[in-house]
Each structure stands twice: as C-alpha cells, then as structure tokens.
Amino acid sequence: MADFDVDLFVIGGGSGGVRAARIAAGHGARVMIAEEYRMGGTCVIRGCVPKKLLVYGSHIRHDIEDAAGFGWSIPSARFDWPTLIANKDKEIARLEAAYTSNVEKAGARVVKTRAVFEDPHTLRLATGETIRSKHVLIATGGAPNHGRAIPGIEHVISSNEVFHLAELPKRIAIQGGGYIALEFACIFAGFGSDVTLIYRGDNILRGFDDDVRAHVRAEMEKDGITILTGCTVDRIDRHGDEFTSHLSNGSSVASDQVLFAIGRHPSVANLGLENAGVAINPNNGGIAVDGFSQTNVPHIYAVGDVTHRFNLTPVAIREGHAFADTVFGNKPTRVDHADIPTAVFSQPEVGTVGLTEAQARVQFTNVDIYKTTFRPMKATMSGRDTRILMKLVVDATTDRVLGCHIVGDGAAEMVQVLGIAIRMKATKADFDATMALHPTAAEELVTMRTPTARYVREAAE
C-alpha cells in the first residue's frame, strides 16, 4: 500500500463519481475525487435539475390560463427571464456546495482540477501534482454533440449554453427529436417563444412506444409548437441578431436562437486513456466495461454516461454505488439495467417503464394491449384541449405486465411507483385487484378491463 497515495482516484465529480467516492470512503478507502468544472456534473449543473426548474417555471403559464375556469380573475401576468435564471443559478450553486460538502464529510478529498492518466496507476493534475492510486474510477460523463460540421455551425447553442441566455428568445429553432429537444421546445413555448422543432426522423421520441410518440406530438402541436420531421438543418446564416436555418427539404426557419439537441457523446478525449491502456467500445464510443463496470485494465473502472450504456443520472448513481460495494465493500454487485423507469419532462409529461408494444411483440408470442385516452378532470373546468394517454403492455400467456406508458400531468410520478410493480413482475390480475383511488387519473391504470388489441405471433415455418 505504501506505493499508492490513495486507494481510489475518481475522475469526475458528477452523480456517479460522487456516489462512488462517498460509498468507497464509507468502506474505509482513501479517496480523492477530481472535478475540473463544477461538482454535481451534468445533471446538477447543466442538465436535469436546472431543466426541471425551467419546466416548473414555464408550466405556470398553463396554470394561469386554467385559473379562469375555476373562478379566478388574474391580472395580466408578466414574466421576467433574468429573474428566473438568477434564481436558478442560486439553487444550482447551493446544490454544488452540498455535493462538495457531502463528499468531504464522507472522508474523501476533493480537488477542483483536471486529471489525466500518465500510466495505469498515475494521474497528473493540472496543478502539476501527481497521484498514484490503487484503483481508478472514470466518471467524466458526456457532452452535447452537434453532429456533422455544417456552414454556420458556430451560431448553434447546445443544452449547456441554453441555461445562460441573457434574454428569452422570441423565436427559437431546435434541431432534435429526443427528450432534451422536446423538453426545451415545451419550456420555451411555455414562456411564450415561437418554437420550431426540426427532426430528421419520421416522428419524435425514437425508441419510445409509437402511441406515446404520436400522442406527445399531437399535444405539442396543439400548444402551438411547429414540428417539422423528415428534414435536417443544412446551413445557418446570421443577419445581425437573427438567424436563418436552411433545411434539407428546401424550406427555411427564421429565429433569434438555434439550439441543437441531437445527441451526446462520452467525454473520453484528452484523459490519457491511451497511457493507461483503457479500451473504447467501438459500438458506442464509450469506455468499454463489463457487468461490474470494470474496463479491460483490471483496476480501472468506469460508470455513467462515459460508458454510453444508459445515459440517466439514477443509472450512474447505481453503477457508482455498485462499484464501491464491489471493490471496497466486499459485496460484489452487478447492476440490473432492465426495466428502468424513464421520464420526458415535456408538456405534457411522459413516464414509461418496461417494454414498448413493438418490443413486446418481437419478444413474446401473445401480447395484449390495454389503452385509454381521456380528458383529465381538471380540463373539464379549465377548458384546456388536452388528453391523457395510458397504456399497458401485457404478456397474454403469463398475464405479466411488461410495460406501462403514460402521457399527461404527473406521468413521471406515477411511473416511478409503477416501476416497482413491473420489477416485481406484477400481473394484469394484480392491477385489476388493486382498488382504484378516485378521483384520480391514475385509477385508469387499474380499471382497464378489456384489451384494445391482441396480437399472436405466428410461428416461423
């Protein structure tokens, strides 16, 4: 042990790295964690947390509009973007301080600097200090990817810069069809911006259940968001403070900002991985790991977005915890990546867990679908033109519920709880036997009795 300065060196102070550092220190390991930017990583600093705060803020417009139906006369409201951003920044600073404090309280040392491999056990800090560590955990996360270099790409902002705009754009063009693109489209629409969403595929939210994709698109378009599919941005021209995005279908979109949210890539560059001999997964560009997050170099591990397995904060946290228990807690733990609850904080919100209808029909011979769309109770008074979607995907042979998909207010909160049932392999009969809680939207999940579709896969000849 005298050959090593620490037992564990963590590169990256995001959710996965912080959890690993805290748990490893709790097991008695000597831990150092290096973060070159701000503790908290993508989620806390420039991802899910500030985004959710903006979602809350933008949704207030709907609440104000809905109030009249319930007898409230509200004077004309005024929104101030700089106030929201300043308050958001204060909250992020508070969370960053809490992350740092919690790591230090656990007994780990935090260094605010970049760390690069000199050899498999040696890390050189930007301060000039070198640290030799028995084990190394890489948890550097990911970064926005603008895709191919097109003329005018320098005018594009990413999901990093969007949190720090000096003023609310009156018009914004967003390229992308995934959850980040949709969330920001709805955020800006909620604040009153004219929003155009541009996506290369035939419909938004690729990989989600097809009914979810269609329902979300219809609801967003009702809210005034223009969605252009089957095309991409080929060129961006600047005219003073305005931009023109020229699309592959020959049309163009004028805006005050252009945001690309077309994907993220693992942050593997300039870490000195070649000096450590760490292999990259050729299929996804992330660090190659096994089921225990171990790389091809036995004492080096990687968790979270840098592995490009499932780019979700709770996954990184679970992987970091499992790593620390495995290596320092004498409790080998393999993370189960099946049935991960997922949310899209669009407006309306999406919550999903388990298999989509298409996935289930490939994997199972007999599949029953239970689906309903309905006007939420609140909308009957507010007059808002919106509908909720709820869908259950069931293995008709065993009656097990394979997937649940919800679009509507509170979808994420519902699906977090439903994730427990799905993981416990609950059956449709279990759902049916559960007493409904009235009046709620969620009661529909236990009152759908008749399949809306039944599929039987023919055996291959």
Protein backbone atom coordinates (compact mmCIF):
# COMPACT_ATOMS: atom_id res chain seq x y z
CA MET A 1 0.00 0.00 0.00
CA ALA A 2 2.93 2.35 0.53
CA ASP A 3 3.32 2.57 -3.25
CA PHE A 4 -0.06 4.32 -3.55
CA ASP A 5 -1.13 7.75 -2.35
CA VAL A 6 -4.81 6.75 -2.34
CA ASP A 7 -6.91 3.63 -2.70
CA LEU A 8 -9.31 5.24 -5.16
CA PHE A 9 -8.98 8.17 -7.52
CA VAL A 10 -12.23 9.30 -9.13
CA ILE A 11 -12.10 11.38 -12.31
CA GLY A 12 -15.32 13.39 -12.46
CA GLY A 13 -17.49 14.92 -9.76
CA GLY A 14 -20.89 14.15 -11.22
CA SER A 15 -23.61 11.97 -9.77
CA GLY A 16 -21.88 8.64 -10.41
CA GLY A 17 -18.43 9.74 -9.28
CA VAL A 18 -19.71 11.44 -6.14
CA ARG A 19 -21.75 8.42 -5.08
CA ALA A 20 -18.80 6.09 -5.67
CA ALA A 21 -16.45 8.37 -3.69
CA ARG A 22 -18.81 8.63 -0.74
CA ILE A 23 -19.56 4.90 -0.53
CA ALA A 24 -15.91 3.89 -1.02
CA ALA A 25 -14.83 6.31 1.72
CA GLY A 26 -17.55 4.85 3.93
CA HIS A 27 -15.96 1.43 3.41
CA GLY A 28 -12.68 2.86 4.70
CA ALA A 29 -10.92 3.61 1.42
CA ARG A 30 -8.64 6.62 1.00
CA VAL A 31 -10.38 8.53 -1.76
CA MET A 32 -9.57 11.54 -3.93
CA ILE A 33 -12.01 12.94 -6.49
CA ALA A 34 -11.08 15.44 -9.21
CA GLU A 35 -13.57 17.72 -10.95
CA GLU A 36 -12.29 20.35 -13.38
CA TYR A 37 -15.53 22.31 -13.72
CA ARG A 38 -18.23 22.21 -11.02
CA MET A 39 -19.19 19.44 -8.59
CA GLY A 40 -22.52 17.90 -9.47
CA GLY A 41 -21.84 17.12 -13.10
CA THR A 42 -24.27 17.32 -16.00
CA CYS A 43 -27.41 16.57 -14.02
CA VAL A 44 -26.99 19.14 -11.28
CA ILE A 45 -25.15 21.91 -13.13
CA ARG A 46 -26.41 21.86 -16.72
CA GLY A 47 -28.95 19.07 -17.06
CA CYS A 48 -31.94 17.57 -15.33
CA VAL A 49 -32.06 19.82 -12.26
CA PRO A 50 -31.92 23.28 -13.90
CA LYS A 51 -34.08 21.95 -16.74
CA LYS A 52 -36.78 20.78 -14.31
CA LEU A 53 -36.72 24.20 -12.64
CA LEU A 54 -37.36 25.80 -16.04
CA VAL A 55 -40.13 23.27 -16.70
CA TYR A 56 -41.84 24.32 -13.47
CA GLY A 57 -41.50 27.96 -14.45
CA SER A 58 -42.87 27.53 -17.95
CA HIS A 59 -45.83 25.44 -16.79
CA ILE A 60 -47.13 28.37 -14.75
CA ARG A 61 -48.47 29.90 -17.95
CA HIS A 62 -50.86 26.96 -18.25
CA ASP A 63 -51.88 27.29 -14.62
CA ILE A 64 -52.70 30.97 -15.11
CA GLU A 65 -54.73 30.20 -18.23
CA ASP A 66 -56.59 27.40 -16.46
CA ALA A 67 -57.46 29.56 -13.46
CA ALA A 68 -60.38 31.38 -15.11
CA GLY A 69 -62.43 28.19 -15.34
CA PHE A 70 -62.18 27.85 -11.58
CA GLY A 71 -63.37 31.38 -10.90
CA TRP A 72 -60.06 33.20 -10.60
CA SER A 73 -59.61 36.57 -12.28
CA ILE A 74 -55.87 37.06 -12.60
CA PRO A 75 -54.47 40.37 -13.89
CA SER A 76 -52.23 40.25 -16.90
CA ALA A 77 -49.07 38.41 -15.79
CA ARG A 78 -45.54 39.46 -16.72
CA PHE A 79 -42.63 37.05 -16.96
CA ASP A 80 -39.01 38.10 -16.37
CA TRP A 81 -36.41 35.70 -17.78
CA PRO A 82 -33.36 37.21 -15.98
CA THR A 83 -35.08 36.74 -12.60
CA LEU A 84 -35.75 33.07 -13.33
CA ILE A 85 -32.18 32.45 -14.47
CA ALA A 86 -30.71 34.27 -11.45
CA ASN A 87 -32.85 32.23 -9.05
CA LYS A 88 -31.97 29.04 -10.90
CA ASP A 89 -28.27 29.89 -10.59
CA LYS A 90 -28.62 30.39 -6.83
CA GLU A 91 -30.21 26.98 -6.44
CA ILE A 92 -27.55 25.28 -8.57
CA ALA A 93 -24.81 26.96 -6.51
CA ARG A 94 -26.48 25.66 -3.33
CA LEU A 95 -26.61 22.13 -4.71
CA GLU A 96 -23.00 22.28 -5.88
CA ALA A 97 -21.89 23.28 -2.39
CA ALA A 98 -23.94 20.43 -0.92
CA TYR A 99 -22.34 17.89 -3.26
CA THR A 100 -18.87 19.07 -2.30
CA SER A 101 -19.69 19.11 1.39
CA ASN A 102 -21.20 15.63 1.37
CA VAL A 103 -18.15 14.14 -0.31
CA GLU A 104 -15.80 15.80 2.15
CA LYS A 105 -17.94 14.78 5.13
CA ALA A 106 -17.67 11.18 3.92
CA GLY A 107 -13.88 11.50 4.21
CA ALA A 108 -12.87 11.92 0.57
CA ARG A 109 -10.63 14.72 -0.68
CA VAL A 110 -11.97 16.97 -3.44
CA VAL A 111 -9.59 18.64 -5.88
CA LYS A 112 -11.00 21.18 -8.35
CA THR A 113 -8.76 20.40 -11.29
CA ARG A 114 -8.35 18.22 -14.36
CA ALA A 115 -6.75 14.80 -14.02
CA VAL A 116 -5.02 12.89 -16.83
CA PHE A 117 -3.51 9.40 -16.86
CA GLU A 118 0.30 9.26 -17.09
CA ASP A 119 0.25 5.49 -16.69
CA PRO A 120 -2.31 2.95 -15.44
CA HIS A 121 -1.85 3.97 -11.81
CA THR A 122 -0.61 7.56 -12.05
CA LEU A 123 -2.77 10.66 -12.52
CA ARG A 124 -1.29 14.07 -13.24
CA LEU A 125 -3.35 17.01 -12.04
CA ALA A 126 -3.45 20.34 -13.86
CA THR A 127 -1.82 21.80 -10.74
CA GLY A 128 1.30 19.74 -11.53
CA GLU A 129 0.75 17.27 -8.68
CA THR A 130 0.91 13.56 -9.46
CA ILE A 131 -1.14 10.97 -7.59
CA ARG A 132 -0.65 7.23 -7.60
CA SER A 133 -3.85 5.29 -6.96
CA LYS A 134 -4.52 1.61 -6.45
CA HIS A 135 -7.88 1.88 -8.25
CA VAL A 136 -9.25 4.49 -10.65
CA LEU A 137 -12.85 5.24 -11.50
CA ILE A 138 -13.61 7.22 -14.66
CA ALA A 139 -16.89 9.14 -14.33
CA THR A 140 -16.46 12.07 -16.71
CA GLY A 141 -19.96 11.89 -18.20
CA GLY A 142 -20.88 13.13 -21.64
CA ALA A 143 -21.19 16.31 -23.66
CA PRO A 144 -23.54 17.64 -26.36
CA ASN A 145 -22.80 16.53 -29.90
CA HIS A 146 -23.63 18.89 -32.77
CA GLY A 147 -23.16 16.19 -35.39
CA ARG A 148 -21.69 16.97 -38.81
CA ALA A 149 -19.98 20.29 -39.42
CA ILE A 150 -22.38 22.41 -41.46
CA PRO A 151 -21.92 26.02 -42.61
CA GLY A 152 -22.86 28.29 -39.72
CA ILE A 153 -22.45 25.65 -37.01
CA GLU A 154 -20.68 28.30 -34.92
CA HIS A 155 -24.03 30.02 -34.42
CA VAL A 156 -25.58 26.99 -32.73
CA ILE A 157 -26.00 26.69 -28.95
CA SER A 158 -26.29 23.43 -27.02
CA SER A 159 -28.11 22.34 -23.89
CA ASN A 160 -25.11 23.75 -21.97
CA GLU A 161 -25.40 27.34 -23.15
CA VAL A 162 -29.20 27.44 -23.19
CA PHE A 163 -29.28 27.78 -19.39
CA HIS A 164 -27.35 31.04 -19.54
CA LEU A 165 -29.10 33.05 -22.26
CA ALA A 166 -29.21 36.74 -21.38
CA GLU A 167 -32.77 37.07 -22.62
CA LEU A 168 -35.70 34.93 -23.65
CA PRO A 169 -35.69 34.41 -27.44
CA LYS A 170 -38.90 35.46 -29.17
CA ARG A 171 -38.29 32.72 -31.75
CA ILE A 172 -36.16 29.60 -31.39
CA ALA A 173 -35.36 26.78 -33.81
CA ILE A 174 -34.48 23.47 -32.16
CA GLN A 175 -33.00 20.53 -34.04
CA GLY A 176 -33.56 17.16 -32.42
CA GLY A 177 -36.36 14.76 -31.61
CA GLY A 178 -35.26 13.25 -28.32
CA TYR A 179 -36.19 14.11 -24.77
CA ILE A 180 -33.80 17.08 -24.44
CA ALA A 181 -35.07 18.71 -27.62
CA LEU A 182 -38.71 18.18 -26.64
CA GLU A 183 -38.24 19.45 -23.13
CA PHE A 184 -36.67 22.71 -24.28
CA ALA A 185 -39.27 23.12 -27.03
CA CYS A 186 -42.00 22.95 -24.40
CA ILE A 187 -40.09 25.15 -21.95
CA PHE A 188 -39.69 27.97 -24.47
CA ALA A 189 -43.24 27.59 -25.75
CA GLY A 190 -44.45 27.86 -22.17
CA PHE A 191 -42.63 31.16 -21.77
CA GLY A 192 -44.21 32.48 -24.96
CA SER A 193 -41.48 31.89 -27.54
CA ASP A 194 -42.35 30.87 -31.10
CA VAL A 195 -40.84 27.37 -31.32
CA THR A 196 -39.97 25.28 -34.38
CA LEU A 197 -38.72 21.72 -33.80
CA ILE A 198 -36.78 20.07 -36.64
CA TYR A 199 -36.11 16.33 -36.67
CA ARG A 200 -34.65 14.03 -39.31
CA GLY A 201 -36.85 11.00 -38.47
CA ASP A 202 -40.48 10.34 -39.30
CA ASN A 203 -41.61 11.17 -35.76
CA ILE A 204 -40.22 12.44 -32.48
CA LEU A 205 -39.05 10.33 -29.50
CA ARG A 206 -37.44 7.48 -31.43
CA GLY A 207 -37.29 4.38 -29.25
CA PHE A 208 -40.42 5.21 -27.27
CA ASP A 209 -43.75 3.47 -27.74
CA ASP A 210 -45.40 4.55 -31.00
CA ASP A 211 -48.63 5.60 -29.29
CA VAL A 212 -46.61 7.79 -26.92
CA ARG A 213 -44.79 9.40 -29.83
CA ALA A 214 -47.99 10.19 -31.69
CA HIS A 215 -49.79 11.48 -28.60
CA VAL A 216 -46.97 13.78 -27.46
CA ARG A 217 -46.58 15.23 -30.94
CA ALA A 218 -50.29 15.97 -31.22
CA GLU A 219 -50.36 17.65 -27.80
CA MET A 220 -47.27 19.76 -28.56
CA GLU A 221 -48.74 20.89 -31.86
CA LYS A 222 -51.97 21.84 -30.06
CA ASP A 223 -49.82 24.10 -27.89
CA GLY A 224 -48.54 25.94 -30.94
CA ILE A 225 -45.17 24.23 -31.43
CA THR A 226 -44.30 23.68 -35.10
CA ILE A 227 -42.81 20.20 -35.64
CA LEU A 228 -41.02 19.52 -38.92
CA THR A 229 -39.96 15.90 -39.45
CA GLY A 230 -38.03 14.20 -42.23
CA CYS A 231 -35.53 17.03 -42.58
CA THR A 232 -32.37 18.47 -41.07
CA VAL A 233 -30.63 21.83 -40.79
CA ASP A 234 -28.10 22.10 -43.64
CA ARG A 235 -26.90 25.69 -43.21
CA ILE A 236 -27.31 28.60 -40.81
CA ASP A 237 -26.95 32.23 -41.90
CA ARG A 238 -26.66 35.12 -39.48
CA HIS A 239 -28.23 38.53 -40.11
CA GLY A 240 -27.34 40.77 -37.18
CA ASP A 241 -29.10 39.27 -34.15
CA GLU A 242 -31.23 36.93 -36.24
CA PHE A 243 -30.60 33.57 -37.89
CA THR A 244 -31.97 31.69 -40.86
CA SER A 245 -31.79 27.90 -40.72
CA HIS A 246 -31.90 26.38 -44.21
CA LEU A 247 -33.39 22.88 -44.17
CA SER A 248 -32.74 19.83 -46.32
CA ASN A 249 -36.29 19.95 -47.68
CA GLY A 250 -35.67 23.37 -49.21
CA SER A 251 -37.54 25.41 -46.61
CA SER A 252 -36.05 27.78 -44.05
CA VAL A 253 -36.78 28.90 -40.48
CA ALA A 254 -36.06 32.37 -39.06
CA SER A 255 -35.22 32.63 -35.36
CA ASP A 256 -33.35 34.53 -32.65
CA GLN A 257 -31.59 31.37 -31.40
CA VAL A 258 -30.72 27.98 -32.86
CA LEU A 259 -30.40 25.08 -30.43
CA PHE A 260 -29.12 21.64 -31.41
CA ALA A 261 -30.08 18.71 -29.17
CA ILE A 262 -29.28 15.78 -31.43
CA GLY A 263 -27.34 13.58 -29.04
CA ARG A 264 -24.46 13.41 -26.60
CA HIS A 265 -21.07 11.73 -26.80
CA PRO A 266 -18.99 10.23 -23.97
CA SER A 267 -16.28 12.53 -22.58
CA VAL A 268 -13.31 10.30 -23.30
CA ALA A 269 -10.97 12.75 -25.05
CA ASN A 270 -7.78 14.11 -23.50
CA LEU A 271 -7.90 11.87 -20.44
CA GLY A 272 -4.73 10.00 -21.35
CA LEU A 273 -6.65 6.75 -21.75
CA GLU A 274 -4.03 5.54 -24.20
CA ASN A 275 -1.41 5.88 -21.45
CA ALA A 276 -3.49 3.62 -19.22
CA GLY A 277 -4.41 1.17 -21.97
CA VAL A 278 -8.15 1.64 -21.45
CA ALA A 279 -10.25 0.35 -24.36
CA ILE A 280 -13.14 2.17 -26.04
CA ASN A 281 -16.28 0.30 -27.05
CA PRO A 282 -16.32 0.56 -30.88
CA ASN A 283 -20.11 0.23 -30.97
CA ASN A 284 -20.96 3.29 -28.89
CA GLY A 285 -17.77 5.30 -28.43
CA GLY A 286 -17.89 4.98 -24.66
CA ILE A 287 -15.41 3.27 -22.36
CA ALA A 288 -15.82 -0.49 -22.68
CA VAL A 289 -16.87 -2.13 -19.40
CA ASP A 290 -18.26 -5.43 -18.16
CA GLY A 291 -21.26 -6.03 -15.92
CA PHE A 292 -19.32 -4.77 -12.91
CA SER A 293 -18.23 -1.55 -14.70
CA GLN A 294 -14.68 -2.91 -14.99
CA THR A 295 -12.59 -1.93 -18.01
CA ASN A 296 -10.03 -4.09 -19.77
CA VAL A 297 -7.49 -2.78 -17.23
CA PRO A 298 -8.49 -4.69 -14.05
CA HIS A 299 -8.02 -1.85 -11.54
CA ILE A 300 -9.72 0.81 -13.70
CA TYR A 301 -13.50 1.14 -13.78
CA ALA A 302 -16.00 3.48 -15.47
CA VAL A 303 -19.60 4.41 -14.70
CA GLY A 304 -22.30 6.67 -16.06
CA ASP A 305 -22.55 8.48 -19.37
CA VAL A 306 -18.87 7.99 -20.20
CA THR A 307 -19.68 4.30 -20.81
CA HIS A 308 -22.64 5.28 -23.05
CA ARG A 309 -24.80 2.44 -21.76
CA PHE A 310 -27.82 4.24 -20.30
CA ASN A 311 -27.35 8.00 -20.05
CA LEU A 312 -29.50 8.56 -17.00
CA THR A 313 -28.47 10.05 -13.66
CA PRO A 314 -30.01 7.34 -11.44
CA VAL A 315 -28.19 4.72 -13.52
CA ALA A 316 -24.84 6.45 -12.95
CA ILE A 317 -25.57 6.66 -9.23
CA ARG A 318 -26.49 2.98 -9.02
CA GLU A 319 -23.40 1.99 -11.01
CA GLY A 320 -21.15 4.13 -8.80
CA HIS A 321 -22.61 2.63 -5.66
CA ALA A 322 -22.30 -0.92 -7.02
CA PHE A 323 -18.67 -0.29 -7.99
CA ALA A 324 -17.78 0.90 -4.49
CA ASP A 325 -19.54 -2.03 -2.84
CA THR A 326 -17.85 -4.48 -5.21
CA VAL A 327 -14.29 -3.17 -4.90
CA PHE A 328 -14.20 -1.79 -1.35
CA GLY A 329 -17.19 -3.29 0.46
CA ASN A 330 -16.60 -6.97 -0.25
CA LYS A 331 -20.12 -7.11 -1.76
CA PRO A 332 -19.87 -7.92 -5.48
CA THR A 333 -22.82 -6.13 -7.08
CA ARG A 334 -23.90 -6.23 -10.70
CA VAL A 335 -26.34 -3.51 -11.80
CA ASP A 336 -29.55 -4.71 -13.43
CA HIS A 337 -30.31 -2.36 -16.31
CA ALA A 338 -33.69 -3.89 -17.13
CA ASP A 339 -36.97 -2.02 -16.67
CA ILE A 340 -35.51 1.41 -15.94
CA PRO A 341 -38.27 4.00 -15.37
CA THR A 342 -37.84 6.94 -17.73
CA ALA A 343 -39.44 10.37 -17.92
CA VAL A 344 -39.58 13.09 -20.54
CA PHE A 345 -40.48 16.41 -18.92
CA SER A 346 -42.23 17.68 -21.98
CA GLN A 347 -45.63 19.31 -21.69
CA PRO A 348 -47.50 17.01 -21.40
CA GLU A 349 -45.13 14.84 -19.41
CA VAL A 350 -44.13 11.30 -20.40
CA GLY A 351 -43.49 8.44 -17.99
CA THR A 352 -42.58 4.98 -19.22
CA VAL A 353 -41.20 1.73 -17.83
CA GLY A 354 -40.66 -1.68 -19.39
CA LEU A 355 -41.24 -2.79 -22.95
CA THR A 356 -42.92 -0.86 -25.75
CA GLU A 357 -45.64 -2.58 -27.73
CA ALA A 358 -43.24 -3.16 -30.64
CA GLN A 359 -40.57 -4.68 -28.38
CA ALA A 360 -43.07 -6.96 -26.65
CA ARG A 361 -44.48 -8.24 -29.93
CA VAL A 362 -40.97 -9.25 -31.03
CA GLN A 363 -40.11 -11.00 -27.75
CA PHE A 364 -43.43 -12.62 -26.80
CA THR A 365 -45.87 -14.82 -28.72
CA ASN A 366 -49.11 -13.46 -27.26
CA VAL A 367 -49.39 -9.78 -26.36
CA ASP A 368 -52.43 -7.90 -25.09
CA ILE A 369 -52.65 -4.11 -25.18
CA TYR A 370 -54.78 -2.05 -22.81
CA LYS A 371 -55.01 1.60 -23.83
CA THR A 372 -57.13 4.58 -22.99
CA THR A 373 -57.11 8.29 -23.74
CA PHE A 374 -59.31 10.67 -21.81
CA ARG A 375 -59.77 14.28 -20.88
CA PRO A 376 -58.38 14.92 -17.40
CA MET A 377 -60.85 16.12 -14.78
CA LYS A 378 -59.14 19.48 -14.43
CA ALA A 379 -59.60 20.19 -18.15
CA THR A 380 -63.39 19.84 -17.87
CA MET A 381 -63.38 23.07 -15.84
CA SER A 382 -60.40 24.87 -17.35
CA GLY A 383 -61.49 24.19 -20.92
CA ARG A 384 -57.99 23.18 -21.94
CA ASP A 385 -57.89 20.99 -25.05
CA THR A 386 -55.74 18.14 -23.79
CA ARG A 387 -55.97 14.40 -23.28
CA ILE A 388 -54.08 11.84 -21.19
CA LEU A 389 -52.78 8.57 -22.62
CA MET A 390 -52.35 5.42 -20.53
CA LYS A 391 -51.19 2.12 -21.94
CA LEU A 392 -50.33 -1.29 -20.51
CA VAL A 393 -48.45 -3.96 -22.48
CA VAL A 394 -49.19 -7.48 -21.19
CA ASP A 395 -47.82 -10.95 -21.91
CA ALA A 396 -51.11 -12.72 -22.56
CA THR A 397 -49.59 -16.13 -21.83
CA THR A 398 -48.47 -15.38 -18.27
CA ASP A 399 -50.59 -12.23 -17.64
CA ARG A 400 -47.43 -10.37 -16.61
CA VAL A 401 -47.41 -6.61 -17.24
CA LEU A 402 -44.40 -5.98 -19.47
CA GLY A 403 -44.64 -2.22 -19.91
CA CYS A 404 -46.51 0.86 -18.85
CA HIS A 405 -46.64 4.16 -20.77
CA ILE A 406 -48.30 7.38 -19.62
CA VAL A 407 -48.55 10.83 -21.18
CA GLY A 408 -50.07 13.56 -19.03
CA ASP A 409 -49.58 15.60 -15.87
CA GLY A 410 -47.88 13.57 -13.14
CA ALA A 411 -46.80 10.80 -15.53
CA ALA A 412 -43.28 10.61 -14.12
CA GLU A 413 -44.51 10.42 -10.52
CA MET A 414 -46.88 7.58 -11.43
CA VAL A 415 -44.29 5.62 -13.39
CA GLN A 416 -41.75 5.75 -10.57
CA VAL A 417 -44.19 3.78 -8.42
CA LEU A 418 -45.28 1.53 -11.28
CA GLY A 419 -41.61 0.68 -11.82
CA ILE A 420 -41.77 -1.27 -8.56
CA ALA A 421 -44.72 -3.31 -9.78
CA ILE A 422 -43.11 -4.02 -13.14
CA ARG A 423 -39.88 -5.08 -11.47
CA MET A 424 -41.80 -7.39 -9.12
CA LYS A 425 -43.39 -8.99 -12.21
CA ALA A 426 -46.91 -7.93 -11.32
CA THR A 427 -49.70 -9.40 -13.45
CA LYS A 428 -52.66 -7.70 -15.05
CA ALA A 429 -54.77 -9.55 -12.47
CA ASP A 430 -52.74 -7.82 -9.74
CA PHE A 431 -53.54 -4.46 -11.33
CA ASP A 432 -57.22 -5.40 -11.63
CA ALA A 433 -57.40 -6.50 -7.98
CA THR A 434 -55.96 -3.19 -6.77
CA MET A 435 -58.63 -0.80 -5.51
CA ALA A 436 -58.95 2.37 -7.55
CA LEU A 437 -58.23 5.72 -5.93
CA HIS A 438 -60.97 8.11 -7.02
CA PRO A 439 -60.98 10.73 -8.45
CA THR A 440 -57.51 10.46 -9.98
CA ALA A 441 -56.15 9.96 -13.45
CA ALA A 442 -54.08 7.05 -12.15
CA GLU A 443 -57.17 5.00 -11.32
CA GLU A 444 -57.43 4.24 -15.05
CA LEU A 445 -54.38 2.00 -14.62
CA VAL A 446 -56.42 -0.43 -12.50
CA THR A 447 -59.79 -0.10 -14.24
CA MET A 448 -58.87 -1.02 -17.84
CA ARG A 449 -60.53 -4.42 -18.16
CA THR A 450 -60.84 -5.10 -21.89
CA PRO A 451 -57.87 -5.32 -24.26
CA THR A 452 -57.89 -2.74 -27.04
CA ALA A 453 -55.70 -5.02 -29.18
CA ARG A 454 -54.50 -8.63 -29.06
CA TYR A 455 -51.56 -9.95 -31.02
CA VAL A 456 -50.48 -13.54 -31.69
CA ARG A 457 -47.13 -14.03 -33.39
CA GLU A 458 -47.17 -16.78 -35.94
CA ALA A 459 -44.50 -19.44 -35.55
CA ALA A 460 -41.74 -19.44 -38.14
CA GLU A 461 -42.08 -22.24 -40.66
